[in-house]
């Protein structure tokens, strides 16, 4: 069973930056794609960014051009660099692992970590 632990969240002013990390541990199974979700109060989870093991990336329109997802396969870690942050980016951010089929990301059930809070406010 894979354990995912997110870190790097915090409080930042609009226009600032944060870097999130998600470390996978507890399993020797090869992890394919990974995806970042976020959930703001009163809203459903939103898929923010995905990255395949081969490095193919996809972003939600709301963050495209501002966020960058990357991964280090040797360290079983995925990252989310967030720049030019807006108050609308405030949410709990979760990482998942899964797979991409026909351009669509499918997270593995029960793969969400505990999440890390990102608050963008002046």
Protein backbone atom coordinates (compact mmCIF):
# COMPACT_ATOMS: atom_id res chain seq x y z
CA UNK A 1 0.00 0.00 0.00
CA UNK A 2 1.31 3.43 -0.97
CA UNK A 3 1.37 6.25 1.53
CA UNK A 4 1.34 9.80 0.18
CA UNK A 5 2.40 12.74 2.31
CA UNK A 6 1.96 16.31 1.11
CA UNK A 7 4.01 19.18 2.47
CA UNK A 8 4.95 22.76 1.69
CA UNK A 9 1.67 24.57 2.18
CA UNK A 10 1.32 27.78 4.11
CA UNK A 11 0.22 31.38 4.05
CA UNK A 12 1.37 33.58 1.19
CA UNK A 13 0.40 36.99 -0.16
CA UNK A 14 -1.18 37.38 -3.59
CA UNK A 15 1.50 37.24 -6.24
CA UNK A 16 3.73 35.09 -4.10
CA UNK A 17 4.96 31.55 -4.59
CA UNK A 18 4.87 28.21 -2.83
CA UNK A 19 6.37 24.83 -3.59
CA UNK A 20 4.48 21.69 -2.65
CA UNK A 21 5.95 18.22 -2.36
CA UNK A 22 4.34 14.81 -2.23
CA UNK A 23 6.41 11.86 -1.14
CA UNK A 24 5.29 8.30 -1.79
CA UNK A 25 6.42 5.53 0.50
CA UNK A 26 5.44 2.17 1.87
CA UNK A 27 5.31 0.25 -1.39
CA UNK A 28 7.68 -1.10 -3.99
CA UNK A 29 5.01 -1.02 -6.70
CA UNK A 30 5.83 1.13 -9.70
CA UNK A 31 3.82 4.35 -9.72
CA UNK A 32 2.59 5.56 -13.09
CA UNK A 33 0.89 8.96 -13.21
CA UNK A 34 0.41 11.34 -10.32
CA UNK A 35 -2.04 14.17 -9.96
CA UNK A 36 -2.60 17.18 -7.75
CA UNK A 37 -6.12 18.05 -6.64
CA UNK A 38 -7.37 20.93 -4.57
CA UNK A 39 -10.53 21.52 -2.62
CA UNK A 40 -11.76 24.88 -1.42
CA UNK A 41 -14.49 25.26 1.22
CA UNK A 42 -17.89 24.47 -0.23
CA UNK A 43 -16.47 23.30 -3.54
CA UNK A 44 -15.73 19.94 -5.08
CA UNK A 45 -12.23 18.70 -5.61
CA UNK A 46 -10.59 20.13 -8.70
CA UNK A 47 -7.88 18.39 -10.67
CA UNK A 48 -5.07 20.92 -10.86
CA UNK A 49 -2.20 19.18 -12.60
CA UNK A 50 -1.07 15.73 -13.68
CA UNK A 51 2.20 14.21 -14.72
CA UNK A 52 2.93 10.79 -16.16
CA UNK A 53 5.98 8.76 -15.32
CA UNK A 54 7.38 9.81 -18.68
CA UNK A 55 6.93 13.48 -17.87
CA UNK A 56 3.81 14.39 -19.86
CA UNK A 57 2.08 17.25 -18.05
CA UNK A 58 -1.41 18.67 -18.08
CA UNK A 59 -2.89 21.61 -16.20
CA UNK A 60 -6.27 23.02 -15.38
CA UNK A 61 -7.02 26.22 -17.26
CA UNK A 62 -7.22 28.09 -13.98
CA UNK A 63 -3.56 27.45 -13.17
CA UNK A 64 -1.99 27.01 -16.58
CA UNK A 65 1.03 29.26 -16.96
CA UNK A 66 1.37 29.79 -13.22
CA UNK A 67 1.86 26.28 -11.82
CA UNK A 68 4.47 23.72 -12.77
CA UNK A 69 4.30 20.04 -11.89
CA UNK A 70 7.39 17.85 -11.85
CA UNK A 71 8.56 14.56 -10.40
CA UNK A 72 11.64 12.70 -9.33
CA UNK A 73 11.01 9.04 -10.02
CA UNK A 74 14.07 7.91 -8.10
CA UNK A 75 12.77 9.65 -4.99
CA UNK A 76 9.11 8.76 -5.60
CA UNK A 77 8.25 12.40 -5.16
CA UNK A 78 6.08 14.79 -7.14
CA UNK A 79 6.22 18.56 -6.86
CA UNK A 80 3.97 21.49 -7.58
CA UNK A 81 5.60 24.88 -8.01
CA UNK A 82 2.97 27.57 -7.64
CA UNK A 83 3.75 31.10 -8.81
CA UNK A 84 1.69 34.27 -9.11
CA UNK A 85 -0.71 32.94 -6.53
CA UNK A 86 -4.22 34.35 -6.32
CA UNK A 87 -6.76 34.29 -3.49
CA UNK A 88 -8.78 31.88 -5.63
CA UNK A 89 -5.96 29.36 -5.23
CA UNK A 90 -6.73 29.02 -1.53
CA UNK A 91 -7.56 25.38 -0.86
CA UNK A 92 -6.34 22.15 0.61
CA UNK A 93 -4.05 20.52 -1.92
CA UNK A 94 -3.90 16.75 -2.27
CA UNK A 95 -1.71 14.47 -4.30
CA UNK A 96 -2.79 11.17 -5.79
CA UNK A 97 -1.39 8.43 -7.94
CA UNK A 98 -3.15 6.76 -10.81
CA UNK A 99 -3.02 6.41 -14.56
CA UNK A 100 -3.80 8.32 -17.73
CA UNK A 101 -5.95 6.76 -20.43
CA UNK A 102 -6.94 8.62 -23.59
CA UNK A 103 -5.74 11.86 -22.06
CA UNK A 104 -7.81 11.50 -18.89
CA UNK A 105 -6.35 11.02 -15.43
CA UNK A 106 -7.85 8.34 -13.20
CA UNK A 107 -6.71 8.40 -9.58
CA UNK A 108 -6.39 5.18 -7.69
CA UNK A 109 -9.04 4.81 -5.03
CA UNK A 110 -7.91 5.78 -1.55
CA UNK A 111 -4.69 7.28 -2.88
CA UNK A 112 -5.21 10.78 -1.47
CA UNK A 113 -2.81 11.99 1.17
CA UNK A 114 -3.76 14.12 4.14
CA UNK A 115 -3.47 17.33 2.17
CA UNK A 116 -1.64 20.56 2.80
CA UNK A 117 -3.34 23.91 3.29
CA UNK A 118 -2.52 26.76 0.94
CA UNK A 119 -3.86 30.16 1.91
CA UNK A 120 -3.39 33.17 -0.35
CA UNK A 121 -4.36 36.35 1.44
CA UNK A 122 -3.16 39.86 2.10
